[in-house]
Amino acid sequence: MPMTKTEFMCTNCQKYFDVPMNTSLNGNYRIHCPLCGHVHYRTVKDGDITDTRFPQNDSVILYEDILPMKSSCRDFSKETDLDGARSAEGFVRRLWKEFSGA
């Protein structure tokens, strides 16, 4: 089963977290914020969390709850950290860019 990791931001606590997803998942899922417990009602297509929300009623088929790990929570998006300001991975990327001239 191929897996992917999707970054998600909780609109309640404004924290970012990673959601490991099986690429064969399709349908409506409840994604729980691991920090504050806020529930996000999202449609998943081929393992990617879409921006499509679904209503909280009995007519919608719900597949399961997704509960990411609390250790994946952070204050900033990975995309904004590519310059190495906060992480070792970003620092290595910046050094590689300087070295390779990219």
PDB file of N, CA and C in Angstrom:
ATOM      1  N   MET A   1       0.829  -1.179   0.000  1.00  0.00           N
ATOM      2  CA  MET A   1       0.000   0.000   0.000  1.00  0.00           C
ATOM      3  C   MET A   1       0.880   1.252   0.000  1.00  0.00           C
ATOM      4  N   PRO A   2       0.858   2.020  -1.076  1.00  0.00           N
ATOM      5  CA  PRO A   2       1.645   3.258  -1.118  1.00  0.00           C
ATOM      6  C   PRO A   2       1.075   4.294  -0.151  1.00  0.00           C
ATOM      7  N   MET A   3       1.966   5.005   0.489  1.00  0.00           N
ATOM      8  CA  MET A   3       1.565   6.024   1.464  1.00  0.00           C
ATOM      9  C   MET A   3       2.068   7.388   1.013  1.00  0.00           C
ATOM     10  N   THR A   4       1.362   8.421   1.442  1.00  0.00           N
ATOM     11  CA  THR A   4       1.759   9.796   1.218  1.00  0.00           C
ATOM     12  C   THR A   4       1.563  10.554   2.523  1.00  0.00           C
ATOM     13  N   LYS A   5       2.228  11.684   2.660  1.00  0.00           N
ATOM     14  CA  LYS A   5       2.075  12.496   3.862  1.00  0.00           C
ATOM     15  C   LYS A   5       1.591  13.874   3.425  1.00  0.00           C
ATOM     16  N   THR A   6       0.480  14.311   3.993  1.00  0.00           N
ATOM     17  CA  THR A   6      -0.113  15.588   3.647  1.00  0.00           C
ATOM     18  C   THR A   6      -0.022  16.533   4.834  1.00  0.00           C
ATOM     19  N   GLU A   7       0.389  17.768   4.578  1.00  0.00           N
ATOM     20  CA  GLU A   7       0.413  18.775   5.630  1.00  0.00           C
ATOM     21  C   GLU A   7      -0.969  19.412   5.722  1.00  0.00           C
ATOM     22  N   PHE A   8      -1.436  19.637   6.933  1.00  0.00           N
ATOM     23  CA  PHE A   8      -2.773  20.170   7.159  1.00  0.00           C
ATOM     24  C   PHE A   8      -2.692  21.221   8.256  1.00  0.00           C
ATOM     25  N   MET A   9      -3.492  22.283   8.147  1.00  0.00           N
ATOM     26  CA  MET A   9      -3.519  23.309   9.188  1.00  0.00           C
ATOM     27  C   MET A   9      -4.873  23.319   9.880  1.00  0.00           C
ATOM     28  N   CYS A  10      -4.849  23.319  11.185  1.00  0.00           N
ATOM     29  CA  CYS A  10      -6.083  23.389  11.968  1.00  0.00           C
ATOM     30  C   CYS A  10      -6.542  24.842  12.017  1.00  0.00           C
ATOM     31  N   THR A  11      -7.783  25.082  11.629  1.00  0.00           N
ATOM     32  CA  THR A  11      -8.325  26.438  11.641  1.00  0.00           C
ATOM     33  C   THR A  11      -8.699  26.893  13.042  1.00  0.00           C
ATOM     34  N   ASN A  12      -8.708  25.963  13.991  1.00  0.00           N
ATOM     35  CA  ASN A  12      -9.073  26.300  15.361  1.00  0.00           C
ATOM     36  C   ASN A  12      -7.859  26.782  16.165  1.00  0.00           C
ATOM     37  N   CYS A  13      -6.780  26.025  16.161  1.00  0.00           N
ATOM     38  CA  CYS A  13      -5.596  26.380  16.959  1.00  0.00           C
ATOM     39  C   CYS A  13      -4.453  26.953  16.120  1.00  0.00           C
ATOM     40  N   GLN A  14      -4.635  26.994  14.796  1.00  0.00           N
ATOM     41  CA  GLN A  14      -3.644  27.557  13.862  1.00  0.00           C
ATOM     42  C   GLN A  14      -2.316  26.796  13.852  1.00  0.00           C
ATOM     43  N   LYS A  15      -2.332  25.520  14.187  1.00  0.00           N
ATOM     44  CA  LYS A  15      -1.131  24.684  14.153  1.00  0.00           C
ATOM     45  C   LYS A  15      -1.133  23.832  12.893  1.00  0.00           C
ATOM     46  N   TYR A  16       0.044  23.473  12.430  1.00  0.00           N
ATOM     47  CA  TYR A  16       0.209  22.590  11.276  1.00  0.00           C
ATOM     48  C   TYR A  16       0.543  21.193  11.772  1.00  0.00           C
ATOM     49  N   PHE A  17       0.079  20.181  11.032  1.00  0.00           N
ATOM     50  CA  PHE A  17       0.420  18.804  11.381  1.00  0.00           C
ATOM     51  C   PHE A  17       0.420  17.948  10.123  1.00  0.00           C
ATOM     52  N   ASP A  18       1.136  16.839  10.186  1.00  0.00           N
ATOM     53  CA  ASP A  18       1.242  15.913   9.064  1.00  0.00           C
ATOM     54  C   ASP A  18       0.213  14.796   9.224  1.00  0.00           C
ATOM     55  N   VAL A  19      -0.387  14.441   8.091  1.00  0.00           N
ATOM     56  CA  VAL A  19      -1.379  13.369   8.080  1.00  0.00           C
ATOM     57  C   VAL A  19      -0.894  12.287   7.116  1.00  0.00           C
ATOM     58  N   PRO A  20      -0.427  11.138   7.630  1.00  0.00           N
ATOM     59  CA  PRO A  20      -0.047  10.043   6.731  1.00  0.00           C
ATOM     60  C   PRO A  20      -1.301   9.427   6.127  1.00  0.00           C
ATOM     61  N   MET A  21      -1.296   9.263   4.810  1.00  0.00           N
ATOM     62  CA  MET A  21      -2.485   8.780   4.120  1.00  0.00           C
ATOM     63  C   MET A  21      -2.128   7.661   3.151  1.00  0.00           C
ATOM     64  N   ASN A  22      -2.994   6.668   3.089  1.00  0.00           N
ATOM     65  CA  ASN A  22      -2.905   5.612   2.092  1.00  0.00           C
ATOM     66  C   ASN A  22      -3.429   6.196   0.777  1.00  0.00           C
ATOM     67  N   THR A  23      -2.703   6.033  -0.316  1.00  0.00           N
ATOM     68  CA  THR A  23      -3.104   6.640  -1.586  1.00  0.00           C
ATOM     69  C   THR A  23      -4.358   6.024  -2.188  1.00  0.00           C
ATOM     70  N   SER A  24      -4.846   4.937  -1.627  1.00  0.00           N
ATOM     71  CA  SER A  24      -6.076   4.325  -2.145  1.00  0.00           C
ATOM     72  C   SER A  24      -7.329   4.846  -1.437  1.00  0.00           C
ATOM     73  N   LEU A  25      -7.169   5.768  -0.479  1.00  0.00           N
ATOM     74  CA  LEU A  25      -8.325   6.284   0.249  1.00  0.00           C
ATOM     75  C   LEU A  25      -9.127   7.248  -0.609  1.00  0.00           C
ATOM     76  N   ASN A  26     -10.428   7.075  -0.622  1.00  0.00           N
ATOM     77  CA  ASN A  26     -11.363   7.963  -1.299  1.00  0.00           C
ATOM     78  C   ASN A  26     -12.621   8.036  -0.467  1.00  0.00           C
ATOM     79  N   GLY A  27     -13.189   9.231  -0.334  1.00  0.00           N
ATOM     80  CA  GLY A  27     -14.445   9.376   0.392  1.00  0.00           C
ATOM     81  C   GLY A  27     -14.396  10.482   1.418  1.00  0.00           C
ATOM     82  N   ASN A  28     -15.339  10.451   2.343  1.00  0.00           N
ATOM     83  CA  ASN A  28     -15.474  11.473   3.382  1.00  0.00           C
ATOM     84  C   ASN A  28     -14.851  10.982   4.684  1.00  0.00           C
ATOM     85  N   TYR A  29     -13.985  11.807   5.256  1.00  0.00           N
ATOM     86  CA  TYR A  29     -13.276  11.443   6.479  1.00  0.00           C
ATOM     87  C   TYR A  29     -13.315  12.603   7.460  1.00  0.00           C
ATOM     88  N   ARG A  30     -13.299  12.267   8.739  1.00  0.00           N
ATOM     89  CA  ARG A  30     -13.149  13.278   9.785  1.00  0.00           C
ATOM     90  C   ARG A  30     -11.689  13.275  10.207  1.00  0.00           C
ATOM     91  N   ILE A  31     -11.034  14.416  10.082  1.00  0.00           N
ATOM     92  CA  ILE A  31      -9.626  14.557  10.463  1.00  0.00           C
ATOM     93  C   ILE A  31      -9.587  15.333  11.765  1.00  0.00           C
ATOM     94  N   HIS A  32      -9.041  14.709  12.790  1.00  0.00           N
ATOM     95  CA  HIS A  32      -8.978  15.321  14.113  1.00  0.00           C
ATOM     96  C   HIS A  32      -7.627  16.004  14.301  1.00  0.00           C
ATOM     97  N   CYS A  33      -7.655  17.243  14.773  1.00  0.00           N
ATOM     98  CA  CYS A  33      -6.402  17.923  15.103  1.00  0.00           C
ATOM     99  C   CYS A  33      -5.800  17.226  16.317  1.00  0.00           C
ATOM    100  N   PRO A  34      -4.535  16.811  16.227  1.00  0.00           N
ATOM    101  CA  PRO A  34      -3.938  16.097  17.363  1.00  0.00           C
ATOM    102  C   PRO A  34      -3.658  16.991  18.565  1.00  0.00           C
ATOM    103  N   LEU A  35      -3.673  18.311  18.368  1.00  0.00           N
ATOM    104  CA  LEU A  35      -3.374  19.208  19.474  1.00  0.00           C
ATOM    105  C   LEU A  35      -4.639  19.639  20.225  1.00  0.00           C
ATOM    106  N   CYS A  36      -5.622  20.183  19.497  1.00  0.00           N
ATOM    107  CA  CYS A  36      -6.810  20.713  20.176  1.00  0.00           C
ATOM    108  C   CYS A  36      -8.042  19.825  20.018  1.00  0.00           C
ATOM    109  N   GLY A  37      -7.989  18.822  19.138  1.00  0.00           N
ATOM    110  CA  GLY A  37      -9.102  17.910  18.956  1.00  0.00           C
ATOM    111  C   GLY A  37     -10.182  18.395  18.007  1.00  0.00           C
ATOM    112  N   HIS A  38      -9.990  19.576  17.398  1.00  0.00           N
ATOM    113  CA  HIS A  38     -10.972  20.106  16.451  1.00  0.00           C
ATOM    114  C   HIS A  38     -11.155  19.120  15.296  1.00  0.00           C
ATOM    115  N   VAL A  39     -12.394  18.921  14.864  1.00  0.00           N
ATOM    116  CA  VAL A  39     -12.691  17.956  13.809  1.00  0.00           C
ATOM    117  C   VAL A  39     -12.889  18.697  12.490  1.00  0.00           C
ATOM    118  N   HIS A  40     -12.172  18.240  11.453  1.00  0.00           N
ATOM    119  CA  HIS A  40     -12.277  18.794  10.104  1.00  0.00           C
ATOM    120  C   HIS A  40     -12.963  17.753   9.234  1.00  0.00           C
ATOM    121  N   TYR A  41     -14.055  18.130   8.613  1.00  0.00           N
ATOM    122  CA  TYR A  41     -14.825  17.235   7.750  1.00  0.00           C
ATOM    123  C   TYR A  41     -14.357  17.454   6.314  1.00  0.00           C
ATOM    124  N   ARG A  42     -13.585  16.508   5.765  1.00  0.00           N
ATOM    125  CA  ARG A  42     -12.985  16.686   4.447  1.00  0.00           C
ATOM    126  C   ARG A  42     -13.218  15.469   3.561  1.00  0.00           C
ATOM    127  N   THR A  43     -13.238  15.735   2.270  1.00  0.00           N
ATOM    128  CA  THR A  43     -13.294  14.680   1.273  1.00  0.00           C
ATOM    129  C   THR A  43     -11.870  14.349   0.859  1.00  0.00           C
ATOM    130  N   VAL A  44     -11.558  13.061   0.779  1.00  0.00           N
ATOM    131  CA  VAL A  44     -10.224  12.582   0.395  1.00  0.00           C
ATOM    132  C   VAL A  44     -10.330  11.940  -0.980  1.00  0.00           C
ATOM    133  N   LYS A  45      -9.402  12.302  -1.866  1.00  0.00           N
ATOM    134  CA  LYS A  45      -9.379  11.730  -3.219  1.00  0.00           C
ATOM    135  C   LYS A  45      -7.984  11.186  -3.481  1.00  0.00           C
ATOM    136  N   ASP A  46      -7.878   9.888  -3.702  1.00  0.00           N
ATOM    137  CA  ASP A  46      -6.607   9.211  -3.966  1.00  0.00           C
ATOM    138  C   ASP A  46      -5.553   9.521  -2.907  1.00  0.00           C
ATOM    139  N   GLY A  47      -5.971   9.587  -1.653  1.00  0.00           N
ATOM    140  CA  GLY A  47      -5.052   9.817  -0.540  1.00  0.00           C
ATOM    141  C   GLY A  47      -4.715  11.267  -0.292  1.00  0.00           C
ATOM    142  N   ASP A  48      -5.248  12.191  -1.099  1.00  0.00           N
ATOM    143  CA  ASP A  48      -5.018  13.623  -0.903  1.00  0.00           C
ATOM    144  C   ASP A  48      -6.230  14.252  -0.238  1.00  0.00           C
ATOM    145  N   ILE A  49      -5.973  15.051   0.792  1.00  0.00           N
ATOM    146  CA  ILE A  49      -7.050  15.760   1.470  1.00  0.00           C
ATOM    147  C   ILE A  49      -7.420  16.962   0.608  1.00  0.00           C
ATOM    148  N   THR A  50      -8.679  17.034   0.201  1.00  0.00           N
ATOM    149  CA  THR A  50      -9.124  18.144  -0.639  1.00  0.00           C
ATOM    150  C   THR A  50      -9.660  19.274   0.232  1.00  0.00           C
ATOM    151  N   ASP A  51      -9.945  20.412  -0.394  1.00  0.00           N
ATOM    152  CA  ASP A  51     -10.553  21.534   0.310  1.00  0.00           C
ATOM    153  C   ASP A  51     -12.060  21.369   0.448  1.00  0.00           C
ATOM    154  N   THR A  52     -12.605  20.314  -0.150  1.00  0.00           N
ATOM    155  CA  THR A  52     -14.045  20.077  -0.135  1.00  0.00           C
ATOM    156  C   THR A  52     -14.483  19.599   1.245  1.00  0.00           C
ATOM    157  N   ARG A  53     -15.413  20.340   1.826  1.00  0.00           N
ATOM    158  CA  ARG A  53     -15.981  19.956   3.121  1.00  0.00           C
ATOM    159  C   ARG A  53     -17.308  19.244   2.868  1.00  0.00           C
ATOM    160  N   PHE A  54     -17.703  18.422   3.811  1.00  0.00           N
ATOM    161  CA  PHE A  54     -19.002  17.780   3.687  1.00  0.00           C
ATOM    162  C   PHE A  54     -19.818  18.063   4.941  1.00  0.00           C
ATOM    163  N   PRO A  55     -21.143  18.080   4.816  1.00  0.00           N
ATOM    164  CA  PRO A  55     -21.996  18.432   5.960  1.00  0.00           C
ATOM    165  C   PRO A  55     -21.983  17.361   7.045  1.00  0.00           C
ATOM    166  N   GLN A  56     -22.258  17.799   8.256  1.00  0.00           N
ATOM    167  CA  GLN A  56     -22.277  16.891   9.406  1.00  0.00           C
ATOM    168  C   GLN A  56     -23.697  16.373   9.621  1.00  0.00           C
ATOM    169  N   ASN A  57     -24.152  15.481   8.755  1.00  0.00           N
ATOM    170  CA  ASN A  57     -25.482  14.914   8.955  1.00  0.00           C
ATOM    171  C   ASN A  57     -25.473  13.432   8.603  1.00  0.00           C
ATOM    172  N   ASP A  58     -26.557  12.785   8.879  1.00  0.00           N
ATOM    173  CA  ASP A  58     -26.644  11.337   8.711  1.00  0.00           C
ATOM    174  C   ASP A  58     -26.735  10.885   7.259  1.00  0.00           C
ATOM    175  N   SER A  59     -27.024  11.809   6.328  1.00  0.00           N
ATOM    176  CA  SER A  59     -27.162  11.419   4.929  1.00  0.00           C
ATOM    177  C   SER A  59     -25.806  11.225   4.241  1.00  0.00           C
ATOM    178  N   VAL A  60     -24.733  11.693   4.873  1.00  0.00           N
ATOM    179  CA  VAL A  60     -23.396  11.590   4.285  1.00  0.00           C
ATOM    180  C   VAL A  60     -22.728  10.303   4.763  1.00  0.00           C
ATOM    181  N   ILE A  61     -22.165   9.564   3.837  1.00  0.00           N
ATOM    182  CA  ILE A  61     -21.450   8.336   4.200  1.00  0.00           C
ATOM    183  C   ILE A  61     -20.068   8.720   4.710  1.00  0.00           C
ATOM    184  N   LEU A  62     -19.783   8.348   5.934  1.00  0.00           N
ATOM    185  CA  LEU A  62     -18.498   8.636   6.563  1.00  0.00           C
ATOM    186  C   LEU A  62     -17.704   7.342   6.627  1.00  0.00           C
ATOM    187  N   TYR A  63     -16.465   7.386   6.168  1.00  0.00           N
ATOM    188  CA  TYR A  63     -15.671   6.165   6.131  1.00  0.00           C
ATOM    189  C   TYR A  63     -14.980   5.891   7.463  1.00  0.00           C
ATOM    190  N   GLU A  64     -14.270   6.862   7.992  1.00  0.00           N
ATOM    191  CA  GLU A  64     -13.608   6.652   9.282  1.00  0.00           C
ATOM    192  C   GLU A  64     -13.019   7.956   9.786  1.00  0.00           C
ATOM    193  N   ASP A  65     -12.527   7.920  11.011  1.00  0.00           N
ATOM    194  CA  ASP A  65     -11.831   9.060  11.594  1.00  0.00           C
ATOM    195  C   ASP A  65     -10.338   8.905  11.351  1.00  0.00           C
ATOM    196  N   ILE A  66      -9.673  10.018  11.105  1.00  0.00           N
ATOM    197  CA  ILE A  66      -8.214  10.029  10.943  1.00  0.00           C
ATOM    198  C   ILE A  66      -7.641  10.777  12.138  1.00  0.00           C
ATOM    199  N   LEU A  67      -6.771  10.106  12.880  1.00  0.00           N
ATOM    200  CA  LEU A  67      -6.196  10.668  14.098  1.00  0.00           C
ATOM    201  C   LEU A  67      -4.674  10.759  13.961  1.00  0.00           C
ATOM    202  N   PRO A  68      -4.142  11.894  13.482  1.00  0.00           N
ATOM    203  CA  PRO A  68      -2.694  12.035  13.340  1.00  0.00           C
ATOM    204  C   PRO A  68      -1.997  12.058  14.700  1.00  0.00           C
ATOM    205  N   MET A  69      -0.695  11.862  14.676  1.00  0.00           N
ATOM    206  CA  MET A  69       0.082  11.842  15.915  1.00  0.00           C
ATOM    207  C   MET A  69       0.343  13.266  16.406  1.00  0.00           C
ATOM    208  N   LYS A  70       0.295  13.442  17.711  1.00  0.00           N
ATOM    209  CA  LYS A  70       0.513  14.753  18.317  1.00  0.00           C
ATOM    210  C   LYS A  70       1.925  15.271  18.053  1.00  0.00           C
ATOM    211  N   SER A  71       2.877  14.359  17.890  1.00  0.00           N
ATOM    212  CA  SER A  71       4.259  14.774  17.662  1.00  0.00           C
ATOM    213  C   SER A  71       4.468  15.445  16.302  1.00  0.00           C
ATOM    214  N   SER A  72       3.469  15.369  15.403  1.00  0.00           N
ATOM    215  CA  SER A  72       3.615  16.000  14.093  1.00  0.00           C
ATOM    216  C   SER A  72       3.191  17.468  14.105  1.00  0.00           C
ATOM    217  N   CYS A  73       2.706  17.988  15.234  1.00  0.00           N
ATOM    218  CA  CYS A  73       2.251  19.377  15.327  1.00  0.00           C
ATOM    219  C   CYS A  73       3.427  20.350  15.340  1.00  0.00           C
ATOM    220  N   ARG A  74       3.219  21.483  14.694  1.00  0.00           N
ATOM    221  CA  ARG A  74       4.238  22.545  14.694  1.00  0.00           C
ATOM    222  C   ARG A  74       3.547  23.887  14.468  1.00  0.00           C
ATOM    223  N   ASP A  75       4.264  24.960  14.731  1.00  0.00           N
ATOM    224  CA  ASP A  75       3.716  26.307  14.623  1.00  0.00           C
ATOM    225  C   ASP A  75       3.786  26.883  13.217  1.00  0.00           C
ATOM    226  N   PHE A  76       4.531  26.269  12.332  1.00  0.00           N
ATOM    227  CA  PHE A  76       4.758  26.845  11.009  1.00  0.00           C
ATOM    228  C   PHE A  76       4.632  25.779   9.938  1.00  0.00           C
ATOM    229  N   SER A  77       4.369  26.227   8.736  1.00  0.00           N
ATOM    230  CA  SER A  77       4.251  25.321   7.602  1.00  0.00           C
ATOM    231  C   SER A  77       5.632  24.889   7.136  1.00  0.00           C
ATOM    232  N   LYS A  78       5.742  23.668   6.652  1.00  0.00           N
ATOM    233  CA  LYS A  78       7.016  23.205   6.113  1.00  0.00           C
ATOM    234  C   LYS A  78       7.423  24.026   4.900  1.00  0.00           C
ATOM    235  N   GLU A  79       6.450  24.494   4.124  1.00  0.00           N
ATOM    236  CA  GLU A  79       6.750  25.269   2.924  1.00  0.00           C
ATOM    237  C   GLU A  79       7.418  26.590   3.256  1.00  0.00           C
ATOM    238  N   THR A  80       7.107  27.185   4.393  1.00  0.00           N
ATOM    239  CA  THR A  80       7.715  28.458   4.767  1.00  0.00           C
ATOM    240  C   THR A  80       9.069  28.264   5.426  1.00  0.00           C
ATOM    241  N   ASP A  81       9.462  27.030   5.691  1.00  0.00           N
ATOM    242  CA  ASP A  81      10.706  26.762   6.408  1.00  0.00           C
ATOM    243  C   ASP A  81      11.812  26.233   5.493  1.00  0.00           C
ATOM    244  N   LEU A  82      11.661  26.362   4.199  1.00  0.00           N
ATOM    245  CA  LEU A  82      12.664  25.818   3.294  1.00  0.00           C
ATOM    246  C   LEU A  82      13.987  26.584   3.330  1.00  0.00           C
ATOM    247  N   ASP A  83      14.017  27.787   3.912  1.00  0.00           N
ATOM    248  CA  ASP A  83      15.254  28.556   3.974  1.00  0.00           C
ATOM    249  C   ASP A  83      16.143  28.131   5.130  1.00  0.00           C
ATOM    250  N   GLY A  84      15.683  27.241   5.979  1.00  0.00           N
ATOM    251  CA  GLY A  84      16.504  26.731   7.074  1.00  0.00           C
ATOM    252  C   GLY A  84      16.439  27.561   8.327  1.00  0.00           C
ATOM    253  N   ALA A  85      15.470  28.439   8.432  1.00  0.00           N
ATOM    254  CA  ALA A  85      15.380  29.289   9.604  1.00  0.00           C
ATOM    255  C   ALA A  85      15.094  28.501  10.879  1.00  0.00           C
ATOM    256  N   ARG A  86      14.402  27.364  10.745  1.00  0.00           N
ATOM    257  CA  ARG A  86      14.005  26.650  11.953  1.00  0.00           C
ATOM    258  C   ARG A  86      14.402  25.182  11.997  1.00  0.00           C
ATOM    259  N   SER A  87      14.737  24.581  10.866  1.00  0.00           N
ATOM    260  CA  SER A  87      14.971  23.141  10.901  1.00  0.00           C
ATOM    261  C   SER A  87      16.322  22.761  10.303  1.00  0.00           C
ATOM    262  N   ALA A  88      16.813  21.621  10.727  1.00  0.00           N
ATOM    263  CA  ALA A  88      18.078  21.115  10.196  1.00  0.00           C
ATOM    264  C   ALA A  88      17.956  20.762   8.719  1.00  0.00           C
ATOM    265  N   GLU A  89      16.814  20.209   8.320  1.00  0.00           N
ATOM    266  CA  GLU A  89      16.610  19.851   6.914  1.00  0.00           C
ATOM    267  C   GLU A  89      16.669  21.090   6.024  1.00  0.00           C
ATOM    268  N   GLY A  90      16.029  22.164   6.458  1.00  0.00           N
ATOM    269  CA  GLY A  90      16.048  23.405   5.690  1.00  0.00           C
ATOM    270  C   GLY A  90      17.446  23.987   5.602  1.00  0.00           C
ATOM    271  N   PHE A  91      18.221  23.864   6.674  1.00  0.00           N
ATOM    272  CA  PHE A  91      19.589  24.353   6.676  1.00  0.00           C
ATOM    273  C   PHE A  91      20.429  23.602   5.650  1.00  0.00           C
ATOM    274  N   VAL A  92      20.272  22.295   5.598  1.00  0.00           N
ATOM    275  CA  VAL A  92      21.009  21.490   4.623  1.00  0.00           C
ATOM    276  C   VAL A  92      20.591  21.864   3.201  1.00  0.00           C
ATOM    277  N   ARG A  93      19.282  22.082   2.980  1.00  0.00           N
ATOM    278  CA  ARG A  93      18.816  22.502   1.648  1.00  0.00           C
ATOM    279  C   ARG A  93      19.449  23.822   1.241  1.00  0.00           C
ATOM    280  N   ARG A  94      19.504  24.779   2.182  1.00  0.00           N
ATOM    281  CA  ARG A  94      20.098  26.088   1.877  1.00  0.00           C
ATOM    282  C   ARG A  94      21.578  25.955   1.547  1.00  0.00           C
ATOM    283  N   LEU A  95      22.280  25.130   2.315  1.00  0.00           N
ATOM    284  CA  LEU A  95      23.701  24.919   2.028  1.00  0.00           C
ATOM    285  C   LEU A  95      23.900  24.280   0.660  1.00  0.00           C
ATOM    286  N   TRP A  96      23.050  23.307   0.322  1.00  0.00           N
ATOM    287  CA  TRP A  96      23.159  22.646  -0.973  1.00  0.00           C
ATOM    288  C   TRP A  96      22.910  23.638  -2.114  1.00  0.00           C
ATOM    289  N   LYS A  97      21.928  24.512  -1.951  1.00  0.00           N
ATOM    290  CA  LYS A  97      21.643  25.516  -2.968  1.00  0.00           C
ATOM    291  C   LYS A  97      22.835  26.444  -3.156  1.00  0.00           C
ATOM    292  N   GLU A  98      23.465  26.852  -2.043  1.00  0.00           N
ATOM    293  CA  GLU A  98      24.627  27.726  -2.134  1.00  0.00           C
ATOM    294  C   GLU A  98      25.797  27.002  -2.806  1.00  0.00           C
ATOM    295  N   PHE A  99      25.986  25.743  -2.459  1.00  0.00           N
ATOM    296  CA  PHE A  99      27.096  24.975  -3.005  1.00  0.00           C
ATOM    297  C   PHE A  99      26.901  24.680  -4.488  1.00  0.00           C
ATOM    298  N   SER A 100      25.680  24.305  -4.869  1.00  0.00           N
ATOM    299  CA  SER A 100      25.434  23.902  -6.257  1.00  0.00           C
ATOM    300  C   SER A 100      25.109  25.089  -7.164  1.00  0.00           C
ATOM    301  N   GLY A 101      24.859  26.244  -6.583  1.00  0.00           N
ATOM    302  CA  GLY A 101      24.530  27.420  -7.387  1.00  0.00           C
ATOM    303  C   GLY A 101      23.112  27.397  -7.912  1.00  0.00           C
ATOM    304  N   ALA A 102      22.272  26.543  -7.353  1.00  0.00           N
ATOM    305  CA  ALA A 102      20.884  26.423  -7.833  1.00  0.00           C
ATOM    306  C   ALA A 102      20.025  27.556  -7.348  1.00  0.00           C
TER     307      ALA A 102
END
